[in-house]
């Protein structure tokens, strides 16, 4: 394959066209998206390079907590170091004497709240995918207007035509190759994590059914 026969990339690079599509899309996303969701959307890019959420270590930790509770009582769980916020919140409620229904409601609420935050981040990129083609069309109209107003200047027609075509190209690339894939992957990760975290409910609810260890019985056994 003769690489010299390939067209150079220079004709496909135009700062004006890029400014119309990229700048217009960015401004529109900022105007339509709350700043908190916009921040989550940008921060979510770091998640794409990480491994998917793995619930198995948390299930093993739940089993270990059950063994501790059976041997030393639920109050012993108060000294456990739990890094996962959902598990820490559930165990704190269990130690305080919450019922199984209360703990289940807490876990479901936290899972739903996390899913909504993740979905908001994904929708930021989905919104960008919706806006980018429209910005490309706006750039095309701008280029056509410039072209028609410069019909007497052949040298200006080429530049105006380039803007008209490249803005459409940039909009399609930004939407189809960048924003939509990112949004899709973020949504997949959010669904997967929500499904995996739902598996924590059963093992944690087991703790609410354990009988507390009474100090007088331990003394009699001694």
N, C-alpha and C. Protein backbone atom coordinates (compact mmCIF):
# COMPACT_ATOMS: atom_id res chain seq x y z
N UNK A 1 0.84 -1.20 0.00
CA UNK A 1 0.00 0.00 0.00
C UNK A 1 0.88 1.25 0.00
N UNK A 2 0.64 2.10 -0.96
CA UNK A 2 1.44 3.32 -1.07
C UNK A 2 0.84 4.41 -0.19
N UNK A 3 1.52 4.71 0.96
CA UNK A 3 1.00 5.71 1.88
C UNK A 3 1.05 7.11 1.29
N UNK A 4 1.94 7.34 0.32
CA UNK A 4 2.03 8.67 -0.28
C UNK A 4 0.80 8.98 -1.12
N UNK A 5 0.05 7.93 -1.49
CA UNK A 5 -1.14 8.16 -2.30
C UNK A 5 -2.34 8.61 -1.46
N UNK A 6 -2.23 8.45 -0.13
CA UNK A 6 -3.34 8.85 0.74
C UNK A 6 -3.46 10.37 0.79
N UNK A 7 -4.66 10.91 0.86
CA UNK A 7 -4.83 12.37 0.93
C UNK A 7 -4.31 12.89 2.25
N UNK A 8 -3.68 14.05 2.26
CA UNK A 8 -3.19 14.62 3.53
C UNK A 8 -4.35 15.03 4.42
N UNK A 9 -4.06 15.15 5.72
CA UNK A 9 -5.10 15.52 6.67
C UNK A 9 -5.35 17.02 6.71
N UNK A 10 -4.45 17.80 6.15
CA UNK A 10 -4.58 19.25 6.23
C UNK A 10 -5.92 19.77 5.72
N UNK A 11 -6.46 19.28 4.61
CA UNK A 11 -7.76 19.80 4.15
C UNK A 11 -8.91 19.53 5.11
N UNK A 12 -8.72 18.56 6.02
CA UNK A 12 -9.79 18.22 6.95
C UNK A 12 -9.67 18.96 8.28
N UNK A 13 -8.69 19.84 8.38
CA UNK A 13 -8.49 20.60 9.61
C UNK A 13 -8.80 22.06 9.36
N UNK A 14 -9.79 22.55 10.09
CA UNK A 14 -10.18 23.95 9.94
C UNK A 14 -10.54 24.49 11.31
N UNK A 15 -9.78 25.44 11.83
CA UNK A 15 -10.06 25.95 13.19
C UNK A 15 -11.40 26.64 13.30
N UNK A 16 -11.85 27.29 12.25
CA UNK A 16 -13.15 27.97 12.32
C UNK A 16 -14.28 26.95 12.44
N UNK A 17 -14.22 25.91 11.61
CA UNK A 17 -15.24 24.86 11.67
C UNK A 17 -15.21 24.15 13.03
N UNK A 18 -14.01 23.89 13.52
CA UNK A 18 -13.89 23.24 14.82
C UNK A 18 -14.43 24.13 15.93
N UNK A 19 -14.16 25.43 15.83
CA UNK A 19 -14.66 26.35 16.84
C UNK A 19 -16.18 26.41 16.86
N UNK A 20 -16.79 26.39 15.67
CA UNK A 20 -18.25 26.44 15.61
C UNK A 20 -18.86 25.21 16.25
N UNK A 21 -18.36 24.03 15.87
CA UNK A 21 -18.94 22.79 16.37
C UNK A 21 -18.54 22.54 17.83
N UNK A 22 -17.22 22.57 18.10
CA UNK A 22 -16.77 22.29 19.46
C UNK A 22 -17.21 23.34 20.45
N UNK A 23 -17.01 24.61 20.10
CA UNK A 23 -17.42 25.68 21.01
C UNK A 23 -18.91 25.75 21.20
N UNK A 24 -19.65 25.63 20.11
CA UNK A 24 -21.11 25.68 20.21
C UNK A 24 -21.66 24.52 21.03
N UNK A 25 -21.11 23.33 20.81
CA UNK A 25 -21.56 22.17 21.58
C UNK A 25 -21.26 22.35 23.06
N UNK A 26 -20.07 22.83 23.37
CA UNK A 26 -19.69 23.03 24.78
C UNK A 26 -20.60 24.05 25.46
N UNK A 27 -20.87 25.16 24.79
CA UNK A 27 -21.74 26.19 25.37
C UNK A 27 -23.15 25.64 25.59
N UNK A 28 -23.66 24.91 24.61
CA UNK A 28 -25.01 24.36 24.73
C UNK A 28 -25.10 23.35 25.87
N UNK A 29 -24.07 22.51 26.01
CA UNK A 29 -24.08 21.53 27.10
C UNK A 29 -24.04 22.23 28.45
N UNK A 30 -23.22 23.27 28.57
CA UNK A 30 -23.14 24.01 29.83
C UNK A 30 -24.47 24.67 30.17
N UNK A 31 -25.15 25.21 29.16
CA UNK A 31 -26.41 25.91 29.40
C UNK A 31 -27.54 24.96 29.79
N UNK A 32 -27.51 23.75 29.28
CA UNK A 32 -28.62 22.83 29.52
C UNK A 32 -28.35 21.84 30.65
N UNK A 33 -27.15 21.80 31.19
CA UNK A 33 -26.78 20.79 32.18
C UNK A 33 -26.42 21.47 33.51
N UNK A 34 -26.99 21.01 34.63
CA UNK A 34 -26.56 21.55 35.94
C UNK A 34 -25.06 21.33 36.14
N UNK A 35 -24.43 22.25 36.83
CA UNK A 35 -22.99 22.17 37.00
C UNK A 35 -22.57 20.90 37.73
N UNK A 36 -23.39 20.43 38.68
CA UNK A 36 -23.05 19.20 39.39
C UNK A 36 -23.02 18.01 38.44
N UNK A 37 -24.01 17.92 37.54
CA UNK A 37 -24.04 16.82 36.57
C UNK A 37 -22.92 16.97 35.55
N UNK A 38 -22.62 18.21 35.18
CA UNK A 38 -21.51 18.43 34.24
C UNK A 38 -20.19 17.97 34.85
N UNK A 39 -19.99 18.28 36.13
CA UNK A 39 -18.79 17.82 36.80
C UNK A 39 -18.72 16.31 36.87
N UNK A 40 -19.85 15.66 37.15
CA UNK A 40 -19.87 14.20 37.18
C UNK A 40 -19.57 13.61 35.81
N UNK A 41 -20.10 14.25 34.77
CA UNK A 41 -19.84 13.74 33.42
C UNK A 41 -18.37 13.78 33.07
N UNK A 42 -17.69 14.85 33.46
CA UNK A 42 -16.26 14.95 33.18
C UNK A 42 -15.47 13.99 34.06
N UNK A 43 -15.83 13.91 35.35
CA UNK A 43 -15.12 13.01 36.26
C UNK A 43 -15.33 11.55 35.88
N UNK A 44 -16.46 11.24 35.24
CA UNK A 44 -16.75 9.85 34.88
C UNK A 44 -15.79 9.31 33.84
N UNK A 45 -15.08 10.17 33.14
CA UNK A 45 -14.12 9.70 32.15
C UNK A 45 -13.04 8.84 32.79
N UNK A 46 -12.72 9.11 34.05
CA UNK A 46 -11.71 8.32 34.74
C UNK A 46 -12.17 6.89 34.96
N UNK A 47 -13.49 6.68 35.05
CA UNK A 47 -14.03 5.35 35.32
C UNK A 47 -13.85 4.42 34.13
N UNK A 48 -13.81 4.98 32.93
CA UNK A 48 -13.77 4.14 31.73
C UNK A 48 -12.51 3.28 31.67
N UNK A 49 -11.43 3.74 32.28
CA UNK A 49 -10.20 2.98 32.25
C UNK A 49 -10.05 2.00 33.40
N UNK A 50 -11.02 1.94 34.29
CA UNK A 50 -10.94 1.06 35.44
C UNK A 50 -11.70 -0.24 35.20
N UNK A 51 -11.45 -1.21 36.07
CA UNK A 51 -12.20 -2.46 36.01
C UNK A 51 -13.63 -2.23 36.50
N UNK A 52 -14.52 -3.07 36.03
CA UNK A 52 -15.91 -2.95 36.47
C UNK A 52 -16.04 -3.27 37.95
N UNK A 53 -17.11 -2.77 38.54
CA UNK A 53 -17.36 -2.99 39.96
C UNK A 53 -17.46 -4.47 40.25
N UNK A 54 -16.77 -4.91 41.30
CA UNK A 54 -16.76 -6.32 41.71
C UNK A 54 -17.35 -6.42 43.11
N UNK A 55 -18.48 -7.09 43.23
CA UNK A 55 -19.16 -7.18 44.51
C UNK A 55 -18.65 -8.34 45.36
N UNK A 56 -17.89 -9.26 44.79
CA UNK A 56 -17.48 -10.45 45.52
C UNK A 56 -16.71 -10.13 46.81
N UNK A 57 -15.74 -9.19 46.78
CA UNK A 57 -15.08 -8.86 48.07
C UNK A 57 -16.04 -8.36 49.13
N UNK A 58 -17.07 -7.63 48.73
CA UNK A 58 -18.04 -7.15 49.71
C UNK A 58 -18.90 -8.29 50.24
N UNK A 59 -19.21 -9.27 49.40
CA UNK A 59 -19.95 -10.44 49.87
C UNK A 59 -19.12 -11.24 50.87
N UNK A 60 -17.83 -11.38 50.59
CA UNK A 60 -16.95 -12.07 51.54
C UNK A 60 -16.87 -11.30 52.86
N UNK A 61 -16.83 -9.98 52.77
CA UNK A 61 -16.79 -9.18 53.98
C UNK A 61 -18.09 -9.30 54.77
N UNK A 62 -19.21 -9.40 54.07
CA UNK A 62 -20.49 -9.59 54.75
C UNK A 62 -20.52 -10.91 55.51
N UNK A 63 -19.98 -11.96 54.89
CA UNK A 63 -19.91 -13.26 55.57
C UNK A 63 -19.02 -13.17 56.81
N UNK A 64 -17.92 -12.43 56.71
CA UNK A 64 -17.03 -12.27 57.87
C UNK A 64 -17.73 -11.50 58.98
N UNK A 65 -18.51 -10.49 58.62
CA UNK A 65 -19.25 -9.73 59.62
C UNK A 65 -20.28 -10.61 60.32
N UNK A 66 -20.90 -11.51 59.58
CA UNK A 66 -21.88 -12.42 60.19
C UNK A 66 -21.20 -13.33 61.21
N UNK A 67 -20.00 -13.80 60.90
CA UNK A 67 -19.29 -14.66 61.85
C UNK A 67 -18.92 -13.88 63.11
N UNK A 68 -18.49 -12.64 62.93
CA UNK A 68 -18.15 -11.81 64.09
C UNK A 68 -19.39 -11.57 64.95
N UNK A 69 -20.51 -11.28 64.29
CA UNK A 69 -21.75 -10.98 65.03
C UNK A 69 -22.23 -12.20 65.80
N UNK A 70 -22.12 -13.39 65.23
CA UNK A 70 -22.56 -14.60 65.93
C UNK A 70 -21.69 -14.88 67.14
N UNK A 71 -20.42 -14.54 67.06
CA UNK A 71 -19.50 -14.85 68.15
C UNK A 71 -19.49 -13.78 69.23
N UNK A 72 -19.54 -12.51 68.81
CA UNK A 72 -19.36 -11.43 69.77
C UNK A 72 -20.55 -10.48 69.87
N UNK A 73 -21.56 -10.70 69.06
CA UNK A 73 -22.72 -9.83 69.10
C UNK A 73 -22.64 -8.71 68.06
N UNK A 74 -23.80 -8.13 67.76
CA UNK A 74 -23.86 -7.10 66.75
C UNK A 74 -23.05 -5.86 67.12
N UNK A 75 -22.95 -5.61 68.42
CA UNK A 75 -22.23 -4.40 68.84
C UNK A 75 -20.77 -4.45 68.43
N UNK A 76 -20.23 -5.66 68.23
CA UNK A 76 -18.83 -5.78 67.81
C UNK A 76 -18.62 -5.25 66.41
N UNK A 77 -19.67 -5.20 65.62
CA UNK A 77 -19.54 -4.71 64.24
C UNK A 77 -19.27 -3.21 64.21
N UNK A 78 -19.53 -2.55 65.32
CA UNK A 78 -19.32 -1.10 65.36
C UNK A 78 -17.85 -0.74 65.22
N UNK A 79 -16.97 -1.71 65.50
CA UNK A 79 -15.53 -1.46 65.39
C UNK A 79 -14.96 -1.89 64.05
N UNK A 80 -15.80 -2.39 63.17
CA UNK A 80 -15.35 -2.85 61.86
C UNK A 80 -15.02 -1.66 60.96
N UNK A 81 -13.97 -1.81 60.18
CA UNK A 81 -13.56 -0.78 59.23
C UNK A 81 -14.13 -1.16 57.86
N UNK A 82 -15.08 -0.40 57.39
CA UNK A 82 -15.76 -0.69 56.13
C UNK A 82 -15.53 0.48 55.18
N UNK A 83 -14.90 0.19 54.06
CA UNK A 83 -14.60 1.24 53.10
C UNK A 83 -15.77 1.53 52.17
N UNK A 84 -16.60 0.52 51.91
CA UNK A 84 -17.73 0.76 51.01
C UNK A 84 -18.81 1.55 51.74
N UNK A 85 -19.25 2.68 51.21
CA UNK A 85 -20.21 3.53 51.93
C UNK A 85 -21.57 2.88 52.14
N UNK A 86 -22.03 2.08 51.18
CA UNK A 86 -23.33 1.43 51.33
C UNK A 86 -23.30 0.42 52.46
N UNK A 87 -22.26 -0.40 52.49
CA UNK A 87 -22.14 -1.40 53.54
C UNK A 87 -21.95 -0.73 54.90
N UNK A 88 -21.14 0.32 54.95
CA UNK A 88 -20.92 1.02 56.22
C UNK A 88 -22.22 1.60 56.76
N UNK A 89 -23.04 2.20 55.87
CA UNK A 89 -24.31 2.78 56.31
C UNK A 89 -25.26 1.69 56.79
N UNK A 90 -25.30 0.56 56.09
CA UNK A 90 -26.21 -0.52 56.48
C UNK A 90 -25.79 -1.13 57.82
N UNK A 91 -24.50 -1.36 58.00
CA UNK A 91 -24.03 -1.95 59.25
C UNK A 91 -24.27 -1.00 60.42
N UNK A 92 -24.10 0.29 60.20
CA UNK A 92 -24.37 1.26 61.25
C UNK A 92 -25.84 1.21 61.68
N UNK A 93 -26.75 1.06 60.71
CA UNK A 93 -28.17 0.95 61.03
C UNK A 93 -28.46 -0.35 61.78
N UNK A 94 -27.81 -1.43 61.36
CA UNK A 94 -28.02 -2.72 62.02
C UNK A 94 -27.55 -2.67 63.47
N UNK A 95 -26.39 -2.08 63.71
CA UNK A 95 -25.88 -1.96 65.08
C UNK A 95 -26.82 -1.12 65.93
N UNK A 96 -27.46 -0.13 65.33
CA UNK A 96 -28.39 0.73 66.07
C UNK A 96 -29.75 0.08 66.28
N UNK A 97 -29.92 -1.15 65.77
CA UNK A 97 -31.16 -1.87 66.01
C UNK A 97 -32.21 -1.73 64.94
N UNK A 98 -31.84 -1.33 63.74
CA UNK A 98 -32.80 -1.17 62.65
C UNK A 98 -33.37 -2.53 62.23
N UNK A 99 -34.60 -2.52 61.75
CA UNK A 99 -35.23 -3.75 61.28
C UNK A 99 -34.73 -4.10 59.88
N UNK A 100 -35.03 -5.33 59.48
CA UNK A 100 -34.62 -5.77 58.14
C UNK A 100 -35.25 -4.90 57.06
N UNK A 101 -36.51 -4.51 57.29
CA UNK A 101 -37.18 -3.66 56.30
C UNK A 101 -36.51 -2.30 56.18
N UNK A 102 -36.10 -1.75 57.32
CA UNK A 102 -35.42 -0.46 57.31
C UNK A 102 -34.08 -0.54 56.57
N UNK A 103 -33.33 -1.59 56.83
CA UNK A 103 -32.03 -1.75 56.18
C UNK A 103 -32.21 -1.97 54.68
N UNK A 104 -33.20 -2.78 54.30
CA UNK A 104 -33.45 -3.01 52.88
C UNK A 104 -33.83 -1.71 52.18
N UNK A 105 -34.66 -0.90 52.83
CA UNK A 105 -35.05 0.39 52.25
C UNK A 105 -33.84 1.30 52.10
N UNK A 106 -32.97 1.31 53.09
CA UNK A 106 -31.76 2.13 53.02
C UNK A 106 -30.88 1.71 51.85
N UNK A 107 -30.66 0.40 51.72
CA UNK A 107 -29.78 -0.08 50.64
C UNK A 107 -30.37 0.24 49.27
N UNK A 108 -31.67 0.03 49.11
CA UNK A 108 -32.29 0.30 47.81
C UNK A 108 -32.25 1.79 47.48
N UNK A 109 -32.45 2.61 48.49
CA UNK A 109 -32.39 4.06 48.26
C UNK A 109 -30.99 4.48 47.84
N UNK A 110 -29.97 3.95 48.49
CA UNK A 110 -28.60 4.32 48.14
C UNK A 110 -28.22 3.81 46.75
N UNK A 111 -28.67 2.61 46.41
CA UNK A 111 -28.39 2.08 45.07
C UNK A 111 -29.06 2.93 44.01
N UNK A 112 -30.31 3.30 44.27
CA UNK A 112 -31.04 4.13 43.32
C UNK A 112 -30.40 5.50 43.18
N UNK A 113 -30.00 6.09 44.31
CA UNK A 113 -29.37 7.41 44.27
C UNK A 113 -28.06 7.36 43.49
N UNK A 114 -27.26 6.31 43.70
CA UNK A 114 -26.00 6.18 42.96
C UNK A 114 -26.27 5.99 41.47
N UNK A 115 -27.27 5.17 41.15
CA UNK A 115 -27.61 4.95 39.74
C UNK A 115 -28.05 6.24 39.07
N UNK A 116 -28.82 7.06 39.78
CA UNK A 116 -29.26 8.33 39.20
C UNK A 116 -28.09 9.27 38.97
N UNK A 117 -27.12 9.27 39.88
CA UNK A 117 -25.93 10.10 39.67
C UNK A 117 -25.14 9.63 38.46
N UNK A 118 -25.00 8.33 38.33
CA UNK A 118 -24.29 7.79 37.17
C UNK A 118 -25.05 8.07 35.88
N UNK A 119 -26.37 7.96 35.95
CA UNK A 119 -27.16 8.23 34.75
C UNK A 119 -27.06 9.69 34.35
N UNK A 120 -27.02 10.59 35.32
CA UNK A 120 -26.87 12.02 35.02
C UNK A 120 -25.55 12.28 34.30
N UNK A 121 -24.49 11.59 34.73
CA UNK A 121 -23.20 11.75 34.06
C UNK A 121 -23.27 11.25 32.63
N UNK A 122 -23.93 10.10 32.44
CA UNK A 122 -24.05 9.56 31.08
C UNK A 122 -24.91 10.46 30.20
N UNK A 123 -25.96 11.04 30.77
CA UNK A 123 -26.84 11.90 29.98
C UNK A 123 -26.15 13.19 29.56
N UNK A 124 -25.12 13.60 30.30
CA UNK A 124 -24.34 14.75 29.86
C UNK A 124 -23.71 14.47 28.50
N UNK A 125 -23.17 13.27 28.35
CA UNK A 125 -22.56 12.90 27.06
C UNK A 125 -23.61 12.59 26.01
N UNK A 126 -24.75 12.05 26.42
CA UNK A 126 -25.84 11.85 25.46
C UNK A 126 -26.34 13.18 24.92
N UNK A 127 -26.43 14.18 25.81
CA UNK A 127 -26.82 15.51 25.37
C UNK A 127 -25.82 16.09 24.39
N UNK A 128 -24.54 15.85 24.63
CA UNK A 128 -23.52 16.32 23.69
C UNK A 128 -23.70 15.66 22.33
N UNK A 129 -24.03 14.37 22.33
CA UNK A 129 -24.26 13.66 21.07
C UNK A 129 -25.47 14.22 20.33
N UNK A 130 -26.47 14.69 21.06
CA UNK A 130 -27.64 15.29 20.42
C UNK A 130 -27.33 16.67 19.84
N UNK A 131 -26.47 17.41 20.54
CA UNK A 131 -26.21 18.80 20.15
C UNK A 131 -25.21 18.90 19.01
N UNK A 132 -24.19 18.05 19.00
CA UNK A 132 -23.09 18.18 18.04
C UNK A 132 -23.57 18.19 16.57
N UNK A 133 -24.46 17.28 16.14
CA UNK A 133 -24.92 17.37 14.75
C UNK A 133 -25.66 18.67 14.45
N UNK A 134 -26.41 19.17 15.43
CA UNK A 134 -27.10 20.44 15.22
C UNK A 134 -26.11 21.58 15.05
N UNK A 135 -25.03 21.56 15.82
CA UNK A 135 -23.99 22.58 15.65
C UNK A 135 -23.33 22.44 14.28
N UNK A 136 -23.18 21.19 13.83
CA UNK A 136 -22.64 20.97 12.49
C UNK A 136 -23.54 21.56 11.42
N UNK A 137 -24.85 21.41 11.59
CA UNK A 137 -25.78 21.98 10.63
C UNK A 137 -25.74 23.51 10.66
N UNK A 138 -25.60 24.07 11.87
CA UNK A 138 -25.48 25.52 11.97
C UNK A 138 -24.24 26.00 11.24
N UNK A 139 -23.13 25.27 11.45
CA UNK A 139 -21.90 25.63 10.74
C UNK A 139 -22.05 25.51 9.24
N UNK A 140 -22.81 24.51 8.79
CA UNK A 140 -23.05 24.37 7.36
C UNK A 140 -23.81 25.56 6.81
N UNK A 141 -24.83 26.01 7.54
CA UNK A 141 -25.59 27.17 7.09
C UNK A 141 -24.73 28.43 7.08
N UNK A 142 -23.85 28.56 8.09
CA UNK A 142 -22.95 29.71 8.12
C UNK A 142 -22.03 29.69 6.90
N UNK A 143 -21.49 28.52 6.59
CA UNK A 143 -20.61 28.40 5.42
C UNK A 143 -21.33 28.70 4.12
N UNK A 144 -22.58 28.23 4.01
CA UNK A 144 -23.34 28.50 2.78
C UNK A 144 -23.65 29.98 2.63
N UNK A 145 -23.98 30.64 3.74
CA UNK A 145 -24.23 32.08 3.67
C UNK A 145 -22.96 32.81 3.21
N UNK A 146 -21.82 32.44 3.78
CA UNK A 146 -20.57 33.07 3.37
C UNK A 146 -20.29 32.80 1.90
N UNK A 147 -20.59 31.61 1.45
CA UNK A 147 -20.32 31.26 0.05
C UNK A 147 -21.20 32.07 -0.90
N UNK A 148 -22.47 32.22 -0.56
CA UNK A 148 -23.36 32.95 -1.45
C UNK A 148 -23.07 34.45 -1.46
N UNK A 149 -22.56 34.94 -0.33
CA UNK A 149 -22.24 36.37 -0.29
C UNK A 149 -20.89 36.68 -0.92
N UNK A 150 -20.14 35.64 -1.27
CA UNK A 150 -18.82 35.84 -1.87
C UNK A 150 -18.75 35.24 -3.27
N UNK A 151 -19.87 35.22 -3.95
CA UNK A 151 -19.88 34.62 -5.29
C UNK A 151 -18.96 35.36 -6.27
N UNK A 152 -18.72 36.64 -5.99
CA UNK A 152 -17.86 37.40 -6.89
C UNK A 152 -16.37 37.21 -6.59
N UNK A 153 -16.07 36.51 -5.51
CA UNK A 153 -14.68 36.28 -5.10
C UNK A 153 -14.42 34.79 -5.09
N UNK A 154 -13.90 34.23 -6.17
CA UNK A 154 -13.67 32.78 -6.25
C UNK A 154 -12.75 32.27 -5.14
N UNK A 155 -11.80 33.09 -4.69
CA UNK A 155 -10.87 32.64 -3.65
C UNK A 155 -11.57 32.42 -2.32
N UNK A 156 -12.66 33.18 -2.07
CA UNK A 156 -13.37 33.04 -0.79
C UNK A 156 -14.38 31.91 -0.81
N UNK A 157 -14.78 31.48 -2.00
CA UNK A 157 -15.80 30.43 -2.08
C UNK A 157 -15.28 29.12 -1.50
N UNK A 158 -14.01 28.81 -1.78
CA UNK A 158 -13.45 27.55 -1.30
C UNK A 158 -13.42 27.47 0.21
N UNK A 159 -13.02 28.56 0.88
CA UNK A 159 -13.00 28.56 2.33
C UNK A 159 -14.37 28.43 2.93
N UNK A 160 -15.35 29.12 2.36
CA UNK A 160 -16.71 29.03 2.86
C UNK A 160 -17.29 27.63 2.66
N UNK A 161 -16.99 27.03 1.51
CA UNK A 161 -17.46 25.67 1.26
C UNK A 161 -16.82 24.67 2.22
N UNK A 162 -15.54 24.90 2.55
CA UNK A 162 -14.86 24.01 3.50
C UNK A 162 -15.53 24.07 4.87
N UNK A 163 -15.89 25.27 5.31
CA UNK A 163 -16.57 25.40 6.59
C UNK A 163 -17.92 24.69 6.55
N UNK A 164 -18.63 24.86 5.45
CA UNK A 164 -19.95 24.25 5.33
C UNK A 164 -19.88 22.73 5.42
N UNK A 165 -18.86 22.13 4.82
CA UNK A 165 -18.75 20.67 4.82
C UNK A 165 -18.10 20.13 6.08
N UNK A 166 -17.06 20.81 6.53
CA UNK A 166 -16.31 20.29 7.68
C UNK A 166 -17.10 20.38 8.98
N UNK A 167 -17.93 21.38 9.14
CA UNK A 167 -18.74 21.45 10.36
C UNK A 167 -19.69 20.26 10.46
N UNK A 168 -20.26 19.86 9.32
CA UNK A 168 -21.09 18.66 9.32
C UNK A 168 -20.27 17.43 9.69
N UNK A 169 -19.07 17.33 9.13
CA UNK A 169 -18.19 16.21 9.44
C UNK A 169 -17.81 16.20 10.92
N UNK A 170 -17.42 17.34 11.44
CA UNK A 170 -17.03 17.41 12.84
C UNK A 170 -18.19 17.05 13.76
N UNK A 171 -19.37 17.53 13.44
CA UNK A 171 -20.54 17.21 14.27
C UNK A 171 -20.83 15.73 14.30
N UNK A 172 -20.72 15.08 13.14
CA UNK A 172 -20.97 13.64 13.07
C UNK A 172 -19.90 12.86 13.85
N UNK A 173 -18.65 13.28 13.71
CA UNK A 173 -17.57 12.59 14.43
C UNK A 173 -17.71 12.77 15.93
N UNK A 174 -17.98 13.99 16.37
CA UNK A 174 -18.11 14.25 17.80
C UNK A 174 -19.26 13.46 18.41
N UNK A 175 -20.36 13.35 17.68
CA UNK A 175 -21.53 12.64 18.21
C UNK A 175 -21.34 11.13 18.15
N UNK A 176 -20.93 10.61 16.99
CA UNK A 176 -20.94 9.17 16.76
C UNK A 176 -19.71 8.45 17.29
N UNK A 177 -18.57 9.09 17.28
CA UNK A 177 -17.33 8.43 17.66
C UNK A 177 -16.82 8.80 19.04
N UNK A 178 -17.37 9.85 19.64
CA UNK A 178 -16.88 10.27 20.95
C UNK A 178 -18.01 10.26 21.99
N UNK A 179 -19.00 11.12 21.81
CA UNK A 179 -20.01 11.30 22.85
C UNK A 179 -20.90 10.07 23.04
N UNK A 180 -21.42 9.52 21.96
CA UNK A 180 -22.31 8.36 22.09
C UNK A 180 -21.62 7.14 22.68
N UNK A 181 -20.42 6.77 22.24
CA UNK A 181 -19.74 5.62 22.88
C UNK A 181 -19.49 5.84 24.36
N UNK A 182 -19.09 7.05 24.75
CA UNK A 182 -18.85 7.32 26.17
C UNK A 182 -20.15 7.18 26.96
N UNK A 183 -21.23 7.77 26.45
CA UNK A 183 -22.52 7.68 27.15
C UNK A 183 -22.98 6.23 27.27
N UNK A 184 -22.80 5.46 26.21
CA UNK A 184 -23.23 4.07 26.23
C UNK A 184 -22.45 3.26 27.27
N UNK A 185 -21.14 3.45 27.33
CA UNK A 185 -20.33 2.71 28.28
C UNK A 185 -20.64 3.12 29.72
N UNK A 186 -20.90 4.39 29.95
CA UNK A 186 -21.24 4.83 31.30
C UNK A 186 -22.57 4.24 31.75
N UNK A 187 -23.55 4.18 30.84
CA UNK A 187 -24.83 3.59 31.19
C UNK A 187 -24.70 2.10 31.47
N UNK A 188 -23.89 1.41 30.69
CA UNK A 188 -23.68 -0.02 30.93
C UNK A 188 -23.05 -0.26 32.29
N UNK A 189 -22.06 0.55 32.63
CA UNK A 189 -21.40 0.40 33.93
C UNK A 189 -22.37 0.71 35.08
N UNK A 190 -23.21 1.71 34.90
CA UNK A 190 -24.17 2.07 35.95
C UNK A 190 -25.16 0.93 36.18
N UNK A 191 -25.68 0.35 35.10
CA UNK A 191 -26.62 -0.77 35.25
C UNK A 191 -25.95 -1.97 35.91
N UNK A 192 -24.74 -2.26 35.49
CA UNK A 192 -24.03 -3.42 36.02
C UNK A 192 -23.77 -3.24 37.52
N UNK A 193 -23.30 -2.06 37.92
CA UNK A 193 -23.02 -1.84 39.34
C UNK A 193 -24.29 -1.90 40.17
N UNK A 194 -25.39 -1.36 39.67
CA UNK A 194 -26.65 -1.41 40.41
C UNK A 194 -27.10 -2.86 40.60
N UNK A 195 -26.97 -3.67 39.56
CA UNK A 195 -27.35 -5.08 39.66
C UNK A 195 -26.45 -5.83 40.65
N UNK A 196 -25.16 -5.54 40.62
CA UNK A 196 -24.25 -6.22 41.53
C UNK A 196 -24.47 -5.79 42.97
N UNK A 197 -24.69 -4.51 43.19
CA UNK A 197 -24.91 -4.03 44.56
C UNK A 197 -26.21 -4.58 45.15
N UNK A 198 -27.17 -4.90 44.32
CA UNK A 198 -28.41 -5.49 44.82
C UNK A 198 -28.16 -6.84 45.49
N UNK A 199 -27.07 -7.49 45.14
CA UNK A 199 -26.72 -8.78 45.74
C UNK A 199 -26.28 -8.63 47.20
N UNK A 200 -25.96 -7.42 47.63
CA UNK A 200 -25.54 -7.20 49.01
C UNK A 200 -26.71 -7.25 49.98
N UNK A 201 -27.91 -7.05 49.48
CA UNK A 201 -29.05 -6.92 50.39
C UNK A 201 -29.26 -8.17 51.22
N UNK A 202 -29.26 -9.34 50.58
CA UNK A 202 -29.51 -10.59 51.31
C UNK A 202 -28.51 -10.84 52.42
N UNK A 203 -27.19 -10.86 52.12
CA UNK A 203 -26.21 -11.11 53.19
C UNK A 203 -26.27 -10.10 54.33
N UNK A 204 -26.55 -8.84 54.02
CA UNK A 204 -26.61 -7.85 55.09
C UNK A 204 -27.88 -7.99 55.93
N UNK A 205 -28.96 -8.38 55.31
CA UNK A 205 -30.20 -8.57 56.07
C UNK A 205 -30.09 -9.76 57.02
N UNK A 206 -29.21 -10.70 56.71
CA UNK A 206 -28.99 -11.82 57.63
C UNK A 206 -28.55 -11.30 58.99
N UNK A 207 -27.77 -10.23 58.99
CA UNK A 207 -27.27 -9.68 60.25
C UNK A 207 -28.41 -9.18 61.14
N UNK A 208 -29.49 -8.71 60.54
CA UNK A 208 -30.60 -8.19 61.35
C UNK A 208 -31.35 -9.31 62.06
N UNK A 209 -31.18 -10.54 61.60
CA UNK A 209 -31.90 -11.66 62.21
C UNK A 209 -31.06 -12.41 63.25
N UNK A 210 -29.85 -11.96 63.48
CA UNK A 210 -29.00 -12.61 64.47
C UNK A 210 -29.41 -12.18 65.87
N UNK A 211 -29.42 -13.14 66.77
CA UNK A 211 -29.75 -12.84 68.15
C UNK A 211 -28.57 -12.14 68.82
N UNK A 212 -28.80 -11.07 69.56
CA UNK A 212 -27.69 -10.41 70.25
C UNK A 212 -27.10 -11.32 71.32
N UNK A 213 -25.80 -11.24 71.48
CA UNK A 213 -25.11 -12.02 72.50
C UNK A 213 -25.23 -11.31 73.83
N UNK A 214 -25.82 -11.98 74.81
CA UNK A 214 -26.05 -11.36 76.11
C UNK A 214 -24.85 -11.60 77.01
N UNK A 215 -24.49 -10.54 77.74
CA UNK A 215 -23.30 -10.63 78.59
C UNK A 215 -23.47 -11.63 79.72
N UNK A 216 -24.72 -11.78 80.27
CA UNK A 216 -24.91 -12.70 81.38
C UNK A 216 -24.74 -14.13 80.95
N UNK A 217 -25.16 -14.44 79.68
CA UNK A 217 -24.98 -15.80 79.17
C UNK A 217 -23.51 -16.10 78.95
N UNK A 218 -22.75 -15.13 78.49
CA UNK A 218 -21.32 -15.34 78.30
C UNK A 218 -20.65 -15.60 79.65
N UNK A 219 -21.12 -14.92 80.71
CA UNK A 219 -20.53 -15.14 82.01
C UNK A 219 -20.84 -16.52 82.56
N UNK A 220 -22.08 -17.01 82.31
CA UNK A 220 -22.44 -18.36 82.75
C UNK A 220 -21.64 -19.41 82.03
N UNK A 221 -21.41 -19.14 80.72
CA UNK A 221 -20.64 -20.12 79.94
C UNK A 221 -19.21 -20.18 80.44
N UNK A 222 -18.68 -19.01 80.92
CA UNK A 222 -17.32 -19.01 81.42
C UNK A 222 -17.23 -19.81 82.72
